[in-house]
């Protein structure tokens, strides 16, 4: 029974975290909010974020309320899992710092998957349109554009994702060392 409760809690709280991270990235990357997927994310997250924005407004395209909501979902995750397993989650400061690191890790891993999906889609269905692919393209462009300045496309092939994957790999190896 503990396994089932653990699974359900993990699934729900990780999904909530991913939705808040998606909302954060939609605004940070200036994604088209008329995309149907963007609209769905906005509708799901607005009931929580609207009241939070009154106390914590954003700055330019950075939505602090979404990031804070993702961190709070991870704090809740740490405490819920500790309660299910009968363990001590750590001091409140440890839980908050570890939750923030985990959110950043989710963001980095999300960019890795988004770039990989874009690479595969560009080979399987070049030039086709799908709202999900358009959303992923808009999310990854702010990261790939600086890499394209360093490694321009050669012979019609874009090698800039290799540089971004290298950077993501470095960040993924540094983040676990930051846990308290």
N, C-alpha and C. Protein backbone atom coordinates (compact mmCIF):
# COMPACT_ATOMS: atom_id res chain seq x y z
N UNK A 1 0.82 -1.20 0.00
CA UNK A 1 0.00 0.00 0.00
C UNK A 1 0.86 1.26 0.00
N UNK A 2 2.00 1.20 0.67
CA UNK A 2 2.91 2.35 0.71
C UNK A 2 3.44 2.66 -0.69
N UNK A 3 3.70 1.61 -1.49
CA UNK A 3 4.19 1.82 -2.86
C UNK A 3 3.16 2.57 -3.70
N UNK A 4 1.91 2.21 -3.56
CA UNK A 4 0.86 2.86 -4.33
C UNK A 4 0.73 4.33 -3.92
N UNK A 5 0.72 4.60 -2.63
CA UNK A 5 0.63 5.97 -2.14
C UNK A 5 1.85 6.78 -2.58
N UNK A 6 3.02 6.16 -2.53
CA UNK A 6 4.25 6.81 -2.97
C UNK A 6 4.15 7.17 -4.45
N UNK A 7 3.68 6.22 -5.27
CA UNK A 7 3.55 6.44 -6.71
C UNK A 7 2.56 7.56 -7.02
N UNK A 8 1.39 7.53 -6.39
CA UNK A 8 0.36 8.53 -6.65
C UNK A 8 0.84 9.92 -6.22
N UNK A 9 1.44 10.01 -5.05
CA UNK A 9 1.94 11.29 -4.55
C UNK A 9 3.03 11.83 -5.48
N UNK A 10 3.95 10.98 -5.85
CA UNK A 10 5.03 11.40 -6.75
C UNK A 10 4.46 11.87 -8.08
N UNK A 11 3.55 11.11 -8.66
CA UNK A 11 2.98 11.48 -9.95
C UNK A 11 2.26 12.83 -9.88
N UNK A 12 1.41 13.01 -8.89
CA UNK A 12 0.63 14.24 -8.79
C UNK A 12 1.51 15.47 -8.53
N UNK A 13 2.40 15.36 -7.57
CA UNK A 13 3.21 16.53 -7.23
C UNK A 13 4.27 16.85 -8.30
N UNK A 14 4.78 15.83 -8.96
CA UNK A 14 5.72 16.10 -10.06
C UNK A 14 4.99 16.73 -11.24
N UNK A 15 3.76 16.30 -11.50
CA UNK A 15 2.96 16.89 -12.57
C UNK A 15 2.66 18.35 -12.29
N UNK A 16 2.29 18.64 -11.06
CA UNK A 16 2.04 20.03 -10.67
C UNK A 16 3.30 20.86 -10.84
N UNK A 17 4.42 20.32 -10.42
CA UNK A 17 5.70 21.03 -10.56
C UNK A 17 6.00 21.30 -12.02
N UNK A 18 5.82 20.32 -12.86
CA UNK A 18 6.11 20.48 -14.29
C UNK A 18 5.19 21.53 -14.91
N UNK A 19 3.94 21.58 -14.50
CA UNK A 19 3.02 22.59 -15.02
C UNK A 19 3.47 24.01 -14.64
N UNK A 20 3.90 24.18 -13.40
CA UNK A 20 4.37 25.51 -12.99
C UNK A 20 5.69 25.87 -13.68
N UNK A 21 6.55 24.89 -13.88
CA UNK A 21 7.80 25.14 -14.61
C UNK A 21 7.48 25.50 -16.06
N UNK A 22 6.53 24.79 -16.66
CA UNK A 22 6.13 25.10 -18.03
C UNK A 22 5.61 26.53 -18.12
N UNK A 23 4.81 26.94 -17.16
CA UNK A 23 4.30 28.31 -17.15
C UNK A 23 5.43 29.31 -17.00
N UNK A 24 6.40 29.00 -16.15
CA UNK A 24 7.57 29.86 -15.98
C UNK A 24 8.33 29.98 -17.30
N UNK A 25 8.56 28.86 -17.97
CA UNK A 25 9.32 28.87 -19.22
C UNK A 25 8.56 29.52 -20.37
N UNK A 26 7.24 29.37 -20.38
CA UNK A 26 6.44 30.02 -21.42
C UNK A 26 6.66 31.52 -21.40
N UNK A 27 6.70 32.08 -20.21
CA UNK A 27 6.88 33.52 -20.10
C UNK A 27 8.34 33.90 -20.28
N UNK A 28 9.26 33.12 -19.73
CA UNK A 28 10.68 33.44 -19.83
C UNK A 28 11.17 33.39 -21.28
N UNK A 29 10.64 32.46 -22.06
CA UNK A 29 11.06 32.30 -23.46
C UNK A 29 10.16 33.07 -24.42
N UNK A 30 9.19 33.77 -23.89
CA UNK A 30 8.26 34.58 -24.69
C UNK A 30 7.57 33.75 -25.77
N UNK A 31 7.00 32.67 -25.33
CA UNK A 31 6.32 31.74 -26.24
C UNK A 31 4.94 32.31 -26.60
N UNK A 32 4.45 31.94 -27.77
CA UNK A 32 3.14 32.35 -28.24
C UNK A 32 2.06 31.84 -27.30
N UNK A 33 1.36 32.76 -26.62
CA UNK A 33 0.33 32.36 -25.67
C UNK A 33 -0.98 31.98 -26.36
N UNK A 34 -1.04 32.11 -27.68
CA UNK A 34 -2.24 31.70 -28.41
C UNK A 34 -2.14 30.25 -28.86
N UNK A 35 -1.01 29.62 -28.62
CA UNK A 35 -0.85 28.20 -28.90
C UNK A 35 -1.82 27.44 -27.99
N UNK A 36 -2.54 26.46 -28.51
CA UNK A 36 -3.53 25.75 -27.66
C UNK A 36 -2.91 25.08 -26.43
N UNK A 37 -1.69 24.61 -26.55
CA UNK A 37 -1.04 23.99 -25.40
C UNK A 37 -0.71 25.05 -24.35
N UNK A 38 -0.24 26.20 -24.81
CA UNK A 38 0.03 27.32 -23.89
C UNK A 38 -1.24 27.74 -23.18
N UNK A 39 -2.32 27.82 -23.94
CA UNK A 39 -3.61 28.21 -23.36
C UNK A 39 -4.03 27.22 -22.26
N UNK A 40 -3.83 25.94 -22.50
CA UNK A 40 -4.18 24.93 -21.50
C UNK A 40 -3.36 25.08 -20.23
N UNK A 41 -2.06 25.30 -20.39
CA UNK A 41 -1.18 25.47 -19.22
C UNK A 41 -1.58 26.71 -18.44
N UNK A 42 -1.89 27.78 -19.16
CA UNK A 42 -2.30 29.03 -18.49
C UNK A 42 -3.59 28.82 -17.71
N UNK A 43 -4.57 28.16 -18.31
CA UNK A 43 -5.85 27.94 -17.64
C UNK A 43 -5.71 27.07 -16.40
N UNK A 44 -4.83 26.09 -16.46
CA UNK A 44 -4.65 25.19 -15.31
C UNK A 44 -3.91 25.89 -14.17
N UNK A 45 -2.93 26.71 -14.49
CA UNK A 45 -2.09 27.31 -13.45
C UNK A 45 -2.58 28.66 -12.94
N UNK A 46 -3.44 29.33 -13.69
CA UNK A 46 -3.90 30.67 -13.28
C UNK A 46 -4.57 30.74 -11.91
N UNK A 47 -5.41 29.78 -11.52
CA UNK A 47 -6.04 29.91 -10.20
C UNK A 47 -5.05 30.01 -9.04
N UNK A 48 -3.91 29.39 -9.18
CA UNK A 48 -2.90 29.47 -8.12
C UNK A 48 -2.02 30.69 -8.31
N UNK A 49 -1.67 31.03 -9.54
CA UNK A 49 -0.70 32.08 -9.80
C UNK A 49 -1.24 33.49 -9.70
N UNK A 50 -2.50 33.70 -10.04
CA UNK A 50 -3.05 35.07 -9.97
C UNK A 50 -2.94 35.66 -8.57
N UNK A 51 -3.37 34.95 -7.51
CA UNK A 51 -3.21 35.52 -6.17
C UNK A 51 -1.73 35.69 -5.78
N UNK A 52 -0.89 34.78 -6.22
CA UNK A 52 0.53 34.87 -5.87
C UNK A 52 1.18 36.08 -6.52
N UNK A 53 0.73 36.45 -7.71
CA UNK A 53 1.32 37.59 -8.43
C UNK A 53 1.02 38.92 -7.75
N UNK A 54 -0.02 38.96 -6.94
CA UNK A 54 -0.31 40.20 -6.20
C UNK A 54 0.79 40.47 -5.17
N UNK A 55 1.29 39.41 -4.57
CA UNK A 55 2.35 39.55 -3.57
C UNK A 55 3.74 39.48 -4.20
N UNK A 56 3.87 38.79 -5.31
CA UNK A 56 5.17 38.58 -5.94
C UNK A 56 5.06 38.85 -7.45
N UNK A 57 5.18 40.12 -7.83
CA UNK A 57 5.05 40.43 -9.26
C UNK A 57 6.29 39.97 -10.04
N UNK A 58 6.12 39.82 -11.32
CA UNK A 58 7.22 39.42 -12.18
C UNK A 58 8.08 40.62 -12.56
N UNK A 59 9.18 40.32 -13.18
CA UNK A 59 10.08 41.36 -13.66
C UNK A 59 10.40 41.05 -15.11
N UNK A 60 10.03 41.95 -16.02
CA UNK A 60 10.15 41.76 -17.46
C UNK A 60 9.49 40.45 -17.85
N UNK A 61 10.26 39.48 -18.33
CA UNK A 61 9.65 38.22 -18.74
C UNK A 61 9.92 37.10 -17.74
N UNK A 62 10.32 37.45 -16.52
CA UNK A 62 10.57 36.45 -15.48
C UNK A 62 9.35 36.43 -14.55
N UNK A 63 8.71 35.28 -14.47
CA UNK A 63 7.52 35.11 -13.63
C UNK A 63 7.94 34.42 -12.33
N UNK A 64 8.23 35.24 -11.32
CA UNK A 64 8.69 34.71 -10.04
C UNK A 64 7.62 33.86 -9.35
N UNK A 65 6.36 34.19 -9.56
CA UNK A 65 5.28 33.43 -8.92
C UNK A 65 5.26 31.99 -9.42
N UNK A 66 5.47 31.79 -10.71
CA UNK A 66 5.48 30.43 -11.25
C UNK A 66 6.66 29.64 -10.70
N UNK A 67 7.82 30.27 -10.63
CA UNK A 67 8.99 29.57 -10.09
C UNK A 67 8.78 29.24 -8.62
N UNK A 68 8.25 30.19 -7.86
CA UNK A 68 7.98 29.95 -6.45
C UNK A 68 6.94 28.83 -6.27
N UNK A 69 5.92 28.82 -7.11
CA UNK A 69 4.91 27.77 -7.02
C UNK A 69 5.52 26.40 -7.30
N UNK A 70 6.44 26.34 -8.26
CA UNK A 70 7.13 25.07 -8.55
C UNK A 70 7.98 24.63 -7.36
N UNK A 71 8.67 25.58 -6.75
CA UNK A 71 9.49 25.26 -5.57
C UNK A 71 8.60 24.79 -4.42
N UNK A 72 7.48 25.48 -4.21
CA UNK A 72 6.57 25.07 -3.14
C UNK A 72 5.98 23.68 -3.39
N UNK A 73 5.70 23.36 -4.65
CA UNK A 73 5.21 22.02 -4.97
C UNK A 73 6.28 20.97 -4.64
N UNK A 74 7.54 21.31 -4.87
CA UNK A 74 8.61 20.39 -4.52
C UNK A 74 8.82 20.29 -3.01
N UNK A 75 8.63 21.39 -2.30
CA UNK A 75 8.69 21.34 -0.83
C UNK A 75 7.62 20.40 -0.31
N UNK A 76 6.41 20.56 -0.83
CA UNK A 76 5.32 19.68 -0.46
C UNK A 76 5.65 18.23 -0.81
N UNK A 77 6.29 18.02 -1.96
CA UNK A 77 6.70 16.68 -2.38
C UNK A 77 7.67 16.06 -1.37
N UNK A 78 8.69 16.83 -0.98
CA UNK A 78 9.68 16.31 -0.03
C UNK A 78 9.02 15.92 1.30
N UNK A 79 8.14 16.79 1.81
CA UNK A 79 7.48 16.49 3.08
C UNK A 79 6.51 15.31 2.95
N UNK A 80 5.79 15.24 1.83
CA UNK A 80 4.83 14.14 1.65
C UNK A 80 5.55 12.80 1.54
N UNK A 81 6.62 12.77 0.77
CA UNK A 81 7.37 11.51 0.62
C UNK A 81 8.01 11.11 1.94
N UNK A 82 8.53 12.08 2.68
CA UNK A 82 9.12 11.78 3.99
C UNK A 82 8.06 11.22 4.94
N UNK A 83 6.84 11.77 4.88
CA UNK A 83 5.77 11.28 5.74
C UNK A 83 5.35 9.86 5.34
N UNK A 84 5.29 9.60 4.04
CA UNK A 84 4.90 8.26 3.57
C UNK A 84 5.95 7.23 3.98
N UNK A 85 7.21 7.59 3.84
CA UNK A 85 8.29 6.64 4.14
C UNK A 85 8.70 6.64 5.61
N UNK A 86 8.14 7.58 6.39
CA UNK A 86 8.47 7.65 7.81
C UNK A 86 9.89 8.14 8.05
N UNK A 87 10.36 9.04 7.22
CA UNK A 87 11.72 9.57 7.34
C UNK A 87 11.68 11.05 7.68
N UNK A 88 12.82 11.56 8.11
CA UNK A 88 12.96 12.98 8.39
C UNK A 88 13.40 13.68 7.10
N UNK A 89 12.64 14.67 6.62
CA UNK A 89 12.98 15.29 5.33
C UNK A 89 14.18 16.22 5.41
N UNK A 90 14.55 16.66 6.59
CA UNK A 90 15.63 17.62 6.75
C UNK A 90 15.09 18.90 7.35
N UNK A 91 15.98 19.83 7.59
CA UNK A 91 15.55 21.12 8.13
C UNK A 91 14.77 21.86 7.07
N UNK A 92 13.96 22.84 7.47
CA UNK A 92 13.21 23.60 6.45
C UNK A 92 14.12 24.27 5.42
N UNK A 93 15.27 24.77 5.85
CA UNK A 93 16.20 25.38 4.89
C UNK A 93 16.71 24.35 3.89
N UNK A 94 17.04 23.16 4.37
CA UNK A 94 17.50 22.10 3.47
C UNK A 94 16.42 21.73 2.46
N UNK A 95 15.21 21.62 2.93
CA UNK A 95 14.11 21.24 2.03
C UNK A 95 13.89 22.32 0.98
N UNK A 96 13.93 23.59 1.36
CA UNK A 96 13.71 24.68 0.41
C UNK A 96 14.84 24.74 -0.62
N UNK A 97 16.08 24.65 -0.15
CA UNK A 97 17.23 24.69 -1.08
C UNK A 97 17.19 23.49 -2.02
N UNK A 98 16.96 22.31 -1.48
CA UNK A 98 16.90 21.11 -2.31
C UNK A 98 15.74 21.18 -3.30
N UNK A 99 14.64 21.77 -2.89
CA UNK A 99 13.49 21.93 -3.79
C UNK A 99 13.83 22.87 -4.94
N UNK A 100 14.49 23.98 -4.63
CA UNK A 100 14.89 24.93 -5.68
C UNK A 100 15.87 24.29 -6.65
N UNK A 101 16.82 23.53 -6.12
CA UNK A 101 17.79 22.83 -6.98
C UNK A 101 17.07 21.81 -7.86
N UNK A 102 16.09 21.14 -7.29
CA UNK A 102 15.34 20.15 -8.05
C UNK A 102 14.53 20.81 -9.16
N UNK A 103 13.97 21.99 -8.91
CA UNK A 103 13.23 22.71 -9.95
C UNK A 103 14.18 23.11 -11.08
N UNK A 104 15.36 23.60 -10.73
CA UNK A 104 16.34 23.96 -11.76
C UNK A 104 16.73 22.70 -12.55
N UNK A 105 16.87 21.60 -11.85
CA UNK A 105 17.19 20.33 -12.53
C UNK A 105 16.08 19.92 -13.49
N UNK A 106 14.83 20.11 -13.09
CA UNK A 106 13.70 19.83 -13.98
C UNK A 106 13.78 20.71 -15.23
N UNK A 107 14.10 21.98 -15.05
CA UNK A 107 14.20 22.91 -16.18
C UNK A 107 15.28 22.46 -17.15
N UNK A 108 16.45 22.14 -16.61
CA UNK A 108 17.57 21.71 -17.45
C UNK A 108 17.23 20.42 -18.20
N UNK A 109 16.66 19.46 -17.49
CA UNK A 109 16.28 18.20 -18.12
C UNK A 109 15.18 18.43 -19.16
N UNK A 110 14.26 19.33 -18.87
CA UNK A 110 13.20 19.66 -19.83
C UNK A 110 13.76 20.24 -21.12
N UNK A 111 14.75 21.12 -21.00
CA UNK A 111 15.38 21.66 -22.20
C UNK A 111 16.10 20.56 -22.97
N UNK A 112 16.75 19.62 -22.28
CA UNK A 112 17.43 18.52 -22.95
C UNK A 112 16.44 17.72 -23.79
N UNK A 113 15.30 17.36 -23.18
CA UNK A 113 14.29 16.59 -23.90
C UNK A 113 13.68 17.40 -25.05
N UNK A 114 13.43 18.68 -24.81
CA UNK A 114 12.82 19.51 -25.85
C UNK A 114 13.73 19.60 -27.07
N UNK A 115 15.03 19.78 -26.84
CA UNK A 115 15.97 19.85 -27.96
C UNK A 115 16.05 18.51 -28.67
N UNK A 116 16.09 17.43 -27.92
CA UNK A 116 16.14 16.10 -28.54
C UNK A 116 14.90 15.84 -29.39
N UNK A 117 13.74 16.19 -28.88
CA UNK A 117 12.50 16.01 -29.65
C UNK A 117 12.52 16.86 -30.91
N UNK A 118 13.03 18.08 -30.81
CA UNK A 118 13.12 18.95 -31.99
C UNK A 118 14.06 18.37 -33.04
N UNK A 119 15.18 17.78 -32.58
CA UNK A 119 16.12 17.17 -33.53
C UNK A 119 15.46 16.00 -34.25
N UNK A 120 14.81 15.13 -33.49
CA UNK A 120 14.15 13.97 -34.09
C UNK A 120 13.03 14.41 -35.04
N UNK A 121 12.24 15.39 -34.63
CA UNK A 121 11.14 15.87 -35.47
C UNK A 121 11.66 16.51 -36.76
N UNK A 122 12.81 17.17 -36.68
CA UNK A 122 13.34 17.80 -37.89
C UNK A 122 13.78 16.76 -38.92
N UNK A 123 14.13 15.56 -38.46
CA UNK A 123 14.49 14.49 -39.40
C UNK A 123 13.27 13.73 -39.89
N UNK A 124 12.31 13.48 -38.99
CA UNK A 124 11.14 12.68 -39.35
C UNK A 124 10.10 13.45 -40.14
N UNK A 125 9.86 14.69 -39.75
CA UNK A 125 8.81 15.48 -40.40
C UNK A 125 9.27 16.92 -40.60
N UNK A 126 10.25 17.13 -41.48
CA UNK A 126 10.75 18.49 -41.67
C UNK A 126 9.70 19.40 -42.28
N UNK A 127 9.59 20.59 -41.73
CA UNK A 127 8.67 21.58 -42.26
C UNK A 127 7.22 21.38 -41.89
N UNK A 128 6.89 20.36 -41.12
CA UNK A 128 5.49 20.15 -40.74
C UNK A 128 5.15 21.02 -39.53
N UNK A 129 3.86 21.24 -39.34
CA UNK A 129 3.41 22.07 -38.22
C UNK A 129 2.57 21.25 -37.27
N UNK A 130 2.88 21.39 -36.01
CA UNK A 130 2.07 20.84 -34.94
C UNK A 130 2.22 21.81 -33.77
N UNK A 131 1.15 22.09 -33.03
CA UNK A 131 1.26 23.05 -31.92
C UNK A 131 2.34 22.68 -30.90
N UNK A 132 2.52 21.39 -30.64
CA UNK A 132 3.53 20.98 -29.67
C UNK A 132 4.94 21.25 -30.19
N UNK A 133 5.16 20.97 -31.48
CA UNK A 133 6.47 21.23 -32.06
C UNK A 133 6.75 22.73 -32.16
N UNK A 134 5.73 23.51 -32.47
CA UNK A 134 5.90 24.96 -32.51
C UNK A 134 6.26 25.49 -31.12
N UNK A 135 5.61 24.96 -30.11
CA UNK A 135 5.89 25.36 -28.73
C UNK A 135 7.32 24.99 -28.34
N UNK A 136 7.73 23.77 -28.66
CA UNK A 136 9.10 23.34 -28.34
C UNK A 136 10.13 24.17 -29.08
N UNK A 137 9.83 24.51 -30.33
CA UNK A 137 10.76 25.33 -31.10
C UNK A 137 10.92 26.70 -30.47
N UNK A 138 9.82 27.29 -30.01
CA UNK A 138 9.88 28.60 -29.37
C UNK A 138 10.57 28.53 -28.01
N UNK A 139 10.43 27.41 -27.31
CA UNK A 139 11.10 27.25 -26.02
C UNK A 139 12.61 27.07 -26.17
N UNK A 140 13.03 26.33 -27.18
CA UNK A 140 14.45 26.03 -27.33
C UNK A 140 15.22 27.11 -28.08
N UNK A 141 14.55 27.93 -28.83
CA UNK A 141 15.25 28.94 -29.63
C UNK A 141 16.11 29.90 -28.81
N UNK A 142 15.65 30.40 -27.65
CA UNK A 142 16.52 31.29 -26.87
C UNK A 142 17.82 30.63 -26.39
N UNK A 143 17.83 29.31 -26.31
CA UNK A 143 19.03 28.60 -25.88
C UNK A 143 19.91 28.25 -27.09
N UNK A 144 19.26 27.87 -28.19
CA UNK A 144 20.02 27.45 -29.36
C UNK A 144 20.57 28.63 -30.17
N UNK A 145 19.93 29.78 -30.11
CA UNK A 145 20.38 30.93 -30.90
C UNK A 145 21.81 31.36 -30.55
N UNK A 146 22.16 31.51 -29.25
CA UNK A 146 23.56 31.87 -28.96
C UNK A 146 24.55 30.77 -29.39
N UNK A 147 24.13 29.52 -29.30
CA UNK A 147 25.01 28.42 -29.73
C UNK A 147 25.20 28.45 -31.25
N UNK A 148 24.18 28.89 -32.00
CA UNK A 148 24.30 28.99 -33.45
C UNK A 148 25.28 30.08 -33.86
N UNK A 149 25.45 31.08 -33.01
CA UNK A 149 26.43 32.13 -33.32
C UNK A 149 27.85 31.56 -33.20
N UNK A 150 28.03 30.63 -32.26
CA UNK A 150 29.35 30.01 -32.10
C UNK A 150 29.60 28.92 -33.13
N UNK A 151 28.56 28.12 -33.42
CA UNK A 151 28.67 27.03 -34.39
C UNK A 151 27.57 27.24 -35.45
N UNK A 152 27.88 27.96 -36.53
CA UNK A 152 26.84 28.18 -37.54
C UNK A 152 26.51 26.87 -38.27
N UNK A 153 25.31 26.79 -38.87
CA UNK A 153 24.94 25.59 -39.62
C UNK A 153 25.94 25.32 -40.75
N UNK A 154 26.32 24.06 -40.89
CA UNK A 154 27.29 23.68 -41.92
C UNK A 154 26.64 22.66 -42.86
N UNK A 155 26.59 22.99 -44.11
CA UNK A 155 26.03 22.06 -45.09
C UNK A 155 24.57 21.74 -44.84
N UNK A 156 23.83 22.67 -44.27
CA UNK A 156 22.41 22.45 -43.99
C UNK A 156 22.15 21.72 -42.69
N UNK A 157 23.21 21.34 -41.97
CA UNK A 157 23.04 20.67 -40.67
C UNK A 157 23.39 21.63 -39.54
N UNK A 158 22.56 21.61 -38.52
CA UNK A 158 22.75 22.48 -37.37
C UNK A 158 23.41 21.68 -36.25
N UNK A 159 24.65 22.03 -35.94
CA UNK A 159 25.39 21.33 -34.90
C UNK A 159 25.35 22.05 -33.55
N UNK A 160 24.61 23.15 -33.47
CA UNK A 160 24.54 23.90 -32.22
C UNK A 160 23.94 23.11 -31.06
N UNK A 161 23.01 22.16 -31.31
CA UNK A 161 22.52 21.38 -30.17
C UNK A 161 23.61 20.59 -29.45
N UNK A 162 24.67 20.23 -30.16
CA UNK A 162 25.75 19.49 -29.52
C UNK A 162 26.38 20.34 -28.43
N UNK A 163 26.62 21.61 -28.73
CA UNK A 163 27.19 22.53 -27.74
C UNK A 163 26.23 22.70 -26.55
N UNK A 164 24.94 22.83 -26.84
CA UNK A 164 23.95 22.99 -25.77
C UNK A 164 23.86 21.71 -24.92
N UNK A 165 23.90 20.55 -25.57
CA UNK A 165 23.90 19.28 -24.83
C UNK A 165 25.13 19.18 -23.92
N UNK A 166 26.27 19.65 -24.39
CA UNK A 166 27.48 19.65 -23.57
C UNK A 166 27.29 20.53 -22.34
N UNK A 167 26.76 21.71 -22.54
CA UNK A 167 26.50 22.63 -21.42
C UNK A 167 25.48 22.05 -20.45
N UNK A 168 24.42 21.46 -20.98
CA UNK A 168 23.40 20.84 -20.13
C UNK A 168 24.00 19.69 -19.33
N UNK A 169 24.85 18.89 -19.97
CA UNK A 169 25.51 17.79 -19.27
C UNK A 169 26.37 18.28 -18.11
N UNK A 170 27.07 19.38 -18.32
CA UNK A 170 27.89 19.96 -17.25
C UNK A 170 27.00 20.42 -16.10
N UNK A 171 25.92 21.11 -16.42
CA UNK A 171 25.00 21.60 -15.38
C UNK A 171 24.37 20.42 -14.64
N UNK A 172 24.00 19.37 -15.35
CA UNK A 172 23.39 18.20 -14.70
C UNK A 172 24.36 17.50 -13.76
N UNK A 173 25.64 17.62 -14.02
CA UNK A 173 26.62 17.01 -13.13
C UNK A 173 26.96 17.90 -11.94
N UNK A 174 26.74 19.19 -12.08
CA UNK A 174 27.02 20.13 -10.98
C UNK A 174 25.86 20.17 -9.98
N UNK A 175 24.63 20.13 -10.48
CA UNK A 175 23.45 20.30 -9.62
C UNK A 175 23.38 19.30 -8.46
N UNK A 176 23.62 18.00 -8.65
CA UNK A 176 23.54 17.08 -7.50
C UNK A 176 24.54 17.40 -6.41
N UNK A 177 25.63 18.04 -6.73
CA UNK A 177 26.63 18.40 -5.73
C UNK A 177 26.18 19.57 -4.85
N UNK A 178 25.15 20.29 -5.31
CA UNK A 178 24.65 21.45 -4.56
C UNK A 178 23.64 21.09 -3.49
N UNK A 179 23.12 19.85 -3.52
CA UNK A 179 22.14 19.44 -2.52
C UNK A 179 22.76 19.53 -1.13
N UNK A 180 21.94 19.99 -0.18
CA UNK A 180 22.41 20.10 1.21
C UNK A 180 22.11 18.80 1.94
